[in-house]
């Protein structure tokens, strides 16, 4: 068997803000990995940016586990024509590099000066961005329009969640399905329902507190997987951690602090509570109609005491859908807005 051909460079470097990480960056890093024995991806951030530096670093590490990712803050002004500005940037760039590099990979013209200052070869990838026309500016302006250009962890981070919840037999699943279809996205079913069907003794065997931790873990796992696959930055969820905490209260007797903390750490962009005015349907997996109204009141109390916007919808499925859409229209697309970059602010 013939030996693999030696790569042309020992240590390559890719520099960027990855604000956010997109397909053009992917192509750049892959080009470096194909051509170098080792690659350092250097991420520079600024205090004005709205995506945390460590979040971006984790995106890079997830997508490119064989690259070495380093990150640091660089508040120097952006002026590639000014040697003094370059001097400021190079202080941070040089301190972050773990070892000298012999190749700098960049699509933009600044790569030539960066390579010169590092005494390395400039490898220009995709000049003029003929193959990967997407830009960070375009993504920041409208992430949904550039959705196909974003790697899975970026899509997951940008995706807003809408949670439909309510007492038994109030139509949460029906509304979640219809809402997702109307929005042109996906929905996540209730893991607790599946667990109730498969656990020893079914719904009516005594519940243990730790079972609800398992339900929460699996529910969040389903959501995280779905957020990587959604066709647009919104996901509809049929229940969440807060609802699971209330069912813990119902079956175990308390709402444990650990689950309340997890609910606070995993808040959606909006809650939709389905009304209990519709006929109760006993499918063999429900407590019974005599408890439905009391649980519905408890849902209202808890939702009123937390900060996420919520609405209770009643009537037919069509009426509920209309009310939900009117409620969501001014709220969707706000929490995942990306602020301007340092360069766009003229700094």
Protein backbone atom coordinates (compact mmCIF):
# COMPACT_ATOMS: atom_id res chain seq x y z
CA UNK A 1 0.00 0.00 0.00
CA UNK A 2 1.43 3.39 -0.98
CA UNK A 3 2.01 6.00 1.68
CA UNK A 4 -0.25 9.03 1.80
CA UNK A 5 1.19 12.07 0.07
CA UNK A 6 2.72 14.56 2.47
CA UNK A 7 0.67 17.69 3.05
CA UNK A 8 2.21 20.92 1.75
CA UNK A 9 2.10 22.78 5.08
CA UNK A 10 2.97 21.87 8.64
CA UNK A 11 0.80 24.34 10.56
CA UNK A 12 -2.03 26.32 9.00
CA UNK A 13 -4.14 29.09 10.43
CA UNK A 14 -7.69 30.32 9.82
CA UNK A 15 -8.66 33.62 11.40
CA UNK A 16 -12.17 34.99 11.83
CA UNK A 17 -14.96 36.30 13.99
CA UNK A 18 -17.38 33.55 12.90
CA UNK A 19 -20.19 35.95 13.71
CA UNK A 20 -21.96 33.72 13.01
CA UNK A 21 -20.26 30.60 11.70
CA UNK A 22 -21.45 29.76 8.15
CA UNK A 23 -20.76 27.63 5.06
CA UNK A 24 -18.01 29.93 3.79
CA UNK A 25 -16.10 29.44 7.02
CA UNK A 26 -16.67 25.69 6.74
CA UNK A 27 -15.07 25.61 3.30
CA UNK A 28 -12.12 27.67 4.49
CA UNK A 29 -11.39 25.43 7.46
CA UNK A 30 -11.78 22.27 5.39
CA UNK A 31 -9.32 23.61 2.82
CA UNK A 32 -6.80 24.21 5.60
CA UNK A 33 -7.35 20.76 7.13
CA UNK A 34 -6.76 19.11 3.74
CA UNK A 35 -3.49 20.97 3.24
CA UNK A 36 -1.91 21.04 6.72
CA UNK A 37 -0.64 18.58 9.30
CA UNK A 38 -2.29 20.72 11.96
CA UNK A 39 -4.66 23.68 11.86
CA UNK A 40 -5.33 26.42 14.38
CA UNK A 41 -8.63 28.25 14.04
CA UNK A 42 -8.34 31.59 15.77
CA UNK A 43 -11.57 33.25 16.84
CA UNK A 44 -11.51 36.95 17.68
CA UNK A 45 -14.49 38.59 19.33
CA UNK A 46 -15.62 41.96 20.62
CA UNK A 47 -17.74 43.13 23.54
CA UNK A 48 -20.26 44.71 21.13
CA UNK A 49 -21.16 41.34 19.57
CA UNK A 50 -24.30 39.59 20.78
CA UNK A 51 -23.23 35.96 20.31
CA UNK A 52 -20.94 34.93 23.19
CA UNK A 53 -17.39 34.07 22.22
CA UNK A 54 -17.49 30.64 23.88
CA UNK A 55 -20.70 29.74 22.01
CA UNK A 56 -18.94 30.40 18.72
CA UNK A 57 -15.89 28.45 19.86
CA UNK A 58 -18.08 25.45 20.68
CA UNK A 59 -19.67 25.63 17.22
CA UNK A 60 -16.22 25.39 15.67
CA UNK A 61 -15.11 22.55 17.93
CA UNK A 62 -18.27 20.55 17.24
CA UNK A 63 -17.98 20.90 13.47
CA UNK A 64 -14.18 20.59 13.25
CA UNK A 65 -12.94 18.39 16.09
CA UNK A 66 -9.53 17.86 14.45
CA UNK A 67 -8.76 21.59 14.38
CA UNK A 68 -7.33 23.45 17.38
CA UNK A 69 -9.69 26.30 18.27
CA UNK A 70 -8.46 29.29 20.28
CA UNK A 71 -10.46 32.39 21.14
CA UNK A 72 -9.83 35.85 22.50
CA UNK A 73 -11.22 39.37 22.62
CA UNK A 74 -9.87 41.95 20.15
CA UNK A 75 -11.30 45.47 20.45
CA UNK A 76 -8.86 47.10 18.01
CA UNK A 77 -10.47 49.17 15.27
CA UNK A 78 -10.96 47.56 11.87
CA UNK A 79 -8.81 49.34 9.29
CA UNK A 80 -6.78 47.03 7.10
CA UNK A 81 -5.07 49.99 5.45
CA UNK A 82 -3.64 51.33 8.73
CA UNK A 83 -0.38 49.73 9.96
CA UNK A 84 -1.05 50.98 13.49
CA UNK A 85 -4.38 49.13 13.59
CA UNK A 86 -2.64 46.02 12.30
CA UNK A 87 -0.08 46.32 15.09
CA UNK A 88 -2.87 46.27 17.66
CA UNK A 89 -4.52 43.22 16.11
CA UNK A 90 -1.23 41.35 15.87
CA UNK A 91 -0.68 41.58 19.62
CA UNK A 92 -3.80 39.48 20.22
CA UNK A 93 -3.30 37.22 17.20
CA UNK A 94 0.29 36.37 18.14
CA UNK A 95 -0.52 35.73 21.79
CA UNK A 96 -3.26 33.25 20.88
CA UNK A 97 -1.19 31.20 18.44
CA UNK A 98 0.22 28.07 20.12
CA UNK A 99 3.14 27.87 17.63
CA UNK A 100 4.42 29.60 14.46
CA UNK A 101 2.39 28.95 11.32
CA UNK A 102 3.63 28.49 7.78
CA UNK A 103 0.29 29.04 6.00
CA UNK A 104 -2.60 31.45 6.42
CA UNK A 105 -5.90 30.46 4.77
CA UNK A 106 -8.25 33.28 3.86
CA UNK A 107 -10.71 34.28 1.14
CA UNK A 108 -10.28 37.98 1.81
CA UNK A 109 -7.44 40.24 0.79
CA UNK A 110 -6.37 40.94 4.36
CA UNK A 111 -4.93 37.43 4.38
CA UNK A 112 -1.94 38.62 2.37
CA UNK A 113 -0.87 41.14 5.03
CA UNK A 114 -1.62 38.74 7.87
CA UNK A 115 0.55 36.06 6.24
CA UNK A 116 3.36 38.58 5.69
CA UNK A 117 3.32 39.60 9.34
CA UNK A 118 3.41 35.95 10.43
CA UNK A 119 6.16 35.10 7.93
CA UNK A 120 3.84 32.56 6.34
CA UNK A 121 2.39 31.73 2.92
CA UNK A 122 -1.00 33.18 2.06
CA UNK A 123 -3.35 30.53 0.64
CA UNK A 124 -6.31 32.33 -0.89
CA UNK A 125 -9.38 30.07 -0.87
CA UNK A 126 -12.30 30.79 -3.19
CA UNK A 127 -11.17 34.24 -4.41
CA UNK A 128 -14.10 36.61 -4.74
CA UNK A 129 -16.25 34.02 -2.95
CA UNK A 130 -17.40 32.59 -6.25
CA UNK A 131 -18.23 29.22 -4.68
CA UNK A 132 -19.42 30.39 -1.27
CA UNK A 133 -21.09 33.75 -1.70
CA UNK A 134 -22.63 33.88 1.77
CA UNK A 135 -21.31 36.51 4.16
CA UNK A 136 -21.60 37.14 7.86
CA UNK A 137 -23.29 40.46 7.11
CA UNK A 138 -26.04 38.74 5.11
CA UNK A 139 -26.62 36.19 7.87
CA UNK A 140 -26.78 38.87 10.56
CA UNK A 141 -29.32 40.84 8.56
CA UNK A 142 -31.63 37.88 7.96
CA UNK A 143 -30.65 34.48 9.43
CA UNK A 144 -33.81 32.81 8.10
CA UNK A 145 -33.00 33.82 4.51
CA UNK A 146 -29.52 32.27 4.86
CA UNK A 147 -30.68 29.22 6.85
CA UNK A 148 -29.25 26.65 4.41
CA UNK A 149 -25.80 28.24 4.80
CA UNK A 150 -25.62 27.63 8.56
CA UNK A 151 -24.10 24.55 10.22
CA UNK A 152 -26.36 22.49 12.49
CA UNK A 153 -25.13 23.87 15.85
CA UNK A 154 -25.68 27.43 14.65
CA UNK A 155 -29.21 26.62 13.53
CA UNK A 156 -29.86 25.02 16.91
CA UNK A 157 -28.66 28.11 18.78
CA UNK A 158 -30.71 30.50 16.64
CA UNK A 159 -33.94 28.49 16.73
CA UNK A 160 -36.69 29.90 18.93
CA UNK A 161 -39.02 27.52 20.75
CA UNK A 162 -42.78 27.94 21.14
CA UNK A 163 -44.24 25.65 23.79
CA UNK A 164 -47.84 24.42 23.78
CA UNK A 165 -48.96 23.11 27.16
CA UNK A 166 -52.06 22.46 29.24
CA UNK A 167 -53.97 20.01 31.37
CA UNK A 168 -55.00 16.58 30.09
CA UNK A 169 -57.24 16.40 27.03
CA UNK A 170 -57.04 20.11 26.19
CA UNK A 171 -55.73 19.65 22.65
CA UNK A 172 -52.04 20.46 23.10
CA UNK A 173 -50.82 17.88 20.59
CA UNK A 174 -53.42 18.83 18.00
CA UNK A 175 -52.54 22.51 18.25
CA UNK A 176 -48.78 21.81 18.21
CA UNK A 177 -49.14 19.80 14.99
CA UNK A 178 -51.32 22.40 13.28
CA UNK A 179 -49.16 25.32 14.42
CA UNK A 180 -45.97 23.69 13.15
CA UNK A 181 -47.60 22.94 9.80
CA UNK A 182 -48.86 26.51 9.51
CA UNK A 183 -45.44 27.96 10.37
CA UNK A 184 -43.72 25.58 7.95
CA UNK A 185 -41.53 23.99 10.61
CA UNK A 186 -41.26 20.91 12.83
CA UNK A 187 -42.76 20.03 16.20
CA UNK A 188 -41.54 17.87 19.09
CA UNK A 189 -43.98 15.48 20.81
CA UNK A 190 -44.21 14.87 24.54
CA UNK A 191 -41.65 12.35 25.79
CA UNK A 192 -43.53 11.98 29.07
CA UNK A 193 -46.44 10.41 27.20
CA UNK A 194 -44.14 7.74 25.75
CA UNK A 195 -42.57 7.13 29.15
CA UNK A 196 -46.01 6.76 30.77
CA UNK A 197 -46.83 4.02 28.26
CA UNK A 198 -43.57 2.08 28.67
CA UNK A 199 -42.70 2.44 32.38
CA UNK A 200 -43.38 -0.45 34.74
CA UNK A 201 -46.98 -0.22 35.89
CA UNK A 202 -47.93 2.40 33.32
CA UNK A 203 -49.44 5.71 34.34
CA UNK A 204 -51.02 4.46 37.56
CA UNK A 205 -48.01 2.88 39.31
CA UNK A 206 -46.45 5.20 41.94
CA UNK A 207 -44.11 7.73 40.34
CA UNK A 208 -40.54 8.28 41.52
CA UNK A 209 -39.04 11.76 41.49
CA UNK A 210 -36.03 10.73 39.41
CA UNK A 211 -38.30 9.60 36.58
CA UNK A 212 -39.11 13.23 35.88
CA UNK A 213 -35.41 14.05 35.51
CA UNK A 214 -35.21 11.34 32.87
CA UNK A 215 -38.28 12.77 31.10
CA UNK A 216 -36.72 16.25 31.12
CA UNK A 217 -33.40 14.95 29.79
CA UNK A 218 -35.09 13.07 26.96
CA UNK A 219 -37.43 15.96 26.14
CA UNK A 220 -34.56 18.42 25.87
CA UNK A 221 -32.62 15.86 23.84
CA UNK A 222 -35.47 15.60 21.35
CA UNK A 223 -35.67 19.38 21.16
CA UNK A 224 -31.92 19.80 20.61
CA UNK A 225 -31.97 17.25 17.80
CA UNK A 226 -34.98 18.92 16.18
CA UNK A 227 -33.45 22.39 16.39
CA UNK A 228 -30.59 21.17 14.21
CA UNK A 229 -33.03 20.01 11.51
CA UNK A 230 -35.73 22.67 11.39
CA UNK A 231 -36.23 24.35 7.99
CA UNK A 232 -36.58 27.77 9.63
CA UNK A 233 -35.60 29.25 13.01
CA UNK A 234 -38.68 28.24 15.02
CA UNK A 235 -39.64 24.95 16.67
CA UNK A 236 -43.00 24.03 18.22
CA UNK A 237 -42.86 21.87 21.37
CA UNK A 238 -45.73 19.88 22.90
CA UNK A 239 -44.72 20.45 26.59
CA UNK A 240 -41.41 21.45 28.20
CA UNK A 241 -39.53 21.42 31.51
CA UNK A 242 -41.98 23.75 33.24
CA UNK A 243 -44.94 21.54 32.35
CA UNK A 244 -43.03 18.44 33.47
CA UNK A 245 -42.36 20.15 36.80
CA UNK A 246 -46.10 20.65 37.28
CA UNK A 247 -46.74 16.98 36.57
CA UNK A 248 -44.06 16.15 39.16
CA UNK A 249 -46.07 18.27 41.58
CA UNK A 250 -49.23 16.39 40.62
CA UNK A 251 -47.82 12.87 41.00
CA UNK A 252 -45.10 13.28 43.64
CA UNK A 253 -46.51 16.18 45.63
CA UNK A 254 -43.92 18.94 45.19
CA UNK A 255 -42.27 21.05 42.50
CA UNK A 256 -38.57 20.37 43.19
CA UNK A 257 -36.10 23.22 43.08
CA UNK A 258 -33.82 21.34 40.69
CA UNK A 259 -36.56 21.12 38.04
CA UNK A 260 -37.61 24.73 38.58
CA UNK A 261 -34.00 25.74 37.97
CA UNK A 262 -33.86 23.72 34.77
CA UNK A 263 -37.11 25.31 33.61
CA UNK A 264 -35.66 28.78 34.25
CA UNK A 265 -32.54 27.86 32.28
CA UNK A 266 -34.58 26.52 29.35
CA UNK A 267 -37.22 29.14 28.73
CA UNK A 268 -38.97 29.34 25.33
CA UNK A 269 -39.87 32.51 23.47
CA UNK A 270 -43.59 32.01 24.24
CA UNK A 271 -46.09 29.70 25.94
CA UNK A 272 -49.50 28.77 24.53
CA UNK A 273 -51.93 27.31 27.05
CA UNK A 274 -54.76 25.26 25.52
CA UNK A 275 -58.17 25.81 27.15
CA UNK A 276 -60.10 23.17 29.07
CA UNK A 277 -63.52 24.03 27.65
CA UNK A 278 -63.47 21.23 25.06
CA UNK A 279 -64.96 17.76 25.81
CA UNK A 280 -62.72 15.44 27.83
CA UNK A 281 -61.59 12.29 26.02
CA UNK A 282 -60.40 9.37 28.14
CA UNK A 283 -57.86 7.35 26.16
CA UNK A 284 -56.78 5.10 29.03
CA UNK A 285 -53.69 7.19 29.80
CA UNK A 286 -55.30 10.12 31.63
CA UNK A 287 -56.18 10.83 35.26
CA UNK A 288 -59.74 11.85 34.52
CA UNK A 289 -61.97 14.80 33.87
CA UNK A 290 -62.46 15.47 37.61
CA UNK A 291 -58.82 16.65 37.85
CA UNK A 292 -58.58 18.55 34.58
CA UNK A 293 -59.97 21.89 35.74
CA UNK A 294 -57.81 21.96 38.85
CA UNK A 295 -54.66 21.23 36.82
CA UNK A 296 -55.64 23.90 34.31
CA UNK A 297 -55.90 26.44 37.13
CA UNK A 298 -52.45 25.41 38.32
CA UNK A 299 -51.02 25.93 34.83
CA UNK A 300 -52.52 29.42 34.77
CA UNK A 301 -51.07 30.27 38.19
CA UNK A 302 -47.57 29.13 37.26
CA UNK A 303 -47.58 30.82 33.85
CA UNK A 304 -48.73 34.08 35.45
CA UNK A 305 -45.78 33.96 37.83
CA UNK A 306 -43.00 33.52 35.27
CA UNK A 307 -41.51 36.00 32.75
CA UNK A 308 -42.19 34.32 29.39
CA UNK A 309 -45.17 35.80 27.44
CA UNK A 310 -48.16 33.45 27.33
CA UNK A 311 -51.69 33.23 26.07
CA UNK A 312 -54.61 30.87 26.72
CA UNK A 313 -56.44 29.89 23.55
CA UNK A 314 -59.95 28.47 23.37
CA UNK A 315 -62.49 27.39 20.79
CA UNK A 316 -62.07 25.24 17.70
CA UNK A 317 -58.66 24.22 16.38
CA UNK A 318 -58.97 26.92 13.69
CA UNK A 319 -59.86 29.57 16.27
CA UNK A 320 -57.01 28.52 18.51
CA UNK A 321 -54.59 28.62 15.61
CA UNK A 322 -55.63 32.13 14.60
CA UNK A 323 -55.29 33.43 18.17
CA UNK A 324 -51.88 31.76 18.54
CA UNK A 325 -50.54 33.21 15.31
CA UNK A 326 -51.72 36.71 16.22
CA UNK A 327 -50.02 36.34 19.60
CA UNK A 328 -46.75 35.05 18.11
CA UNK A 329 -46.47 37.45 15.17
CA UNK A 330 -44.83 40.35 17.09
CA UNK A 331 -42.74 37.99 19.24
CA UNK A 332 -41.05 35.58 16.85
CA UNK A 333 -37.70 36.66 15.44
CA UNK A 334 -36.78 38.93 18.33
CA UNK A 335 -34.74 36.75 20.66
CA UNK A 336 -32.47 35.45 17.89
CA UNK A 337 -31.55 38.78 16.30
CA UNK A 338 -27.82 39.23 15.80
CA UNK A 339 -26.33 42.63 16.54
CA UNK A 340 -23.94 44.49 14.21
CA UNK A 341 -20.25 43.71 14.12
CA UNK A 342 -17.49 46.04 15.28
CA UNK A 343 -16.77 46.93 11.65
CA UNK A 344 -20.46 47.64 10.91
CA UNK A 345 -20.54 50.02 13.86
CA UNK A 346 -17.63 51.91 12.30
CA UNK A 347 -15.20 51.11 15.08
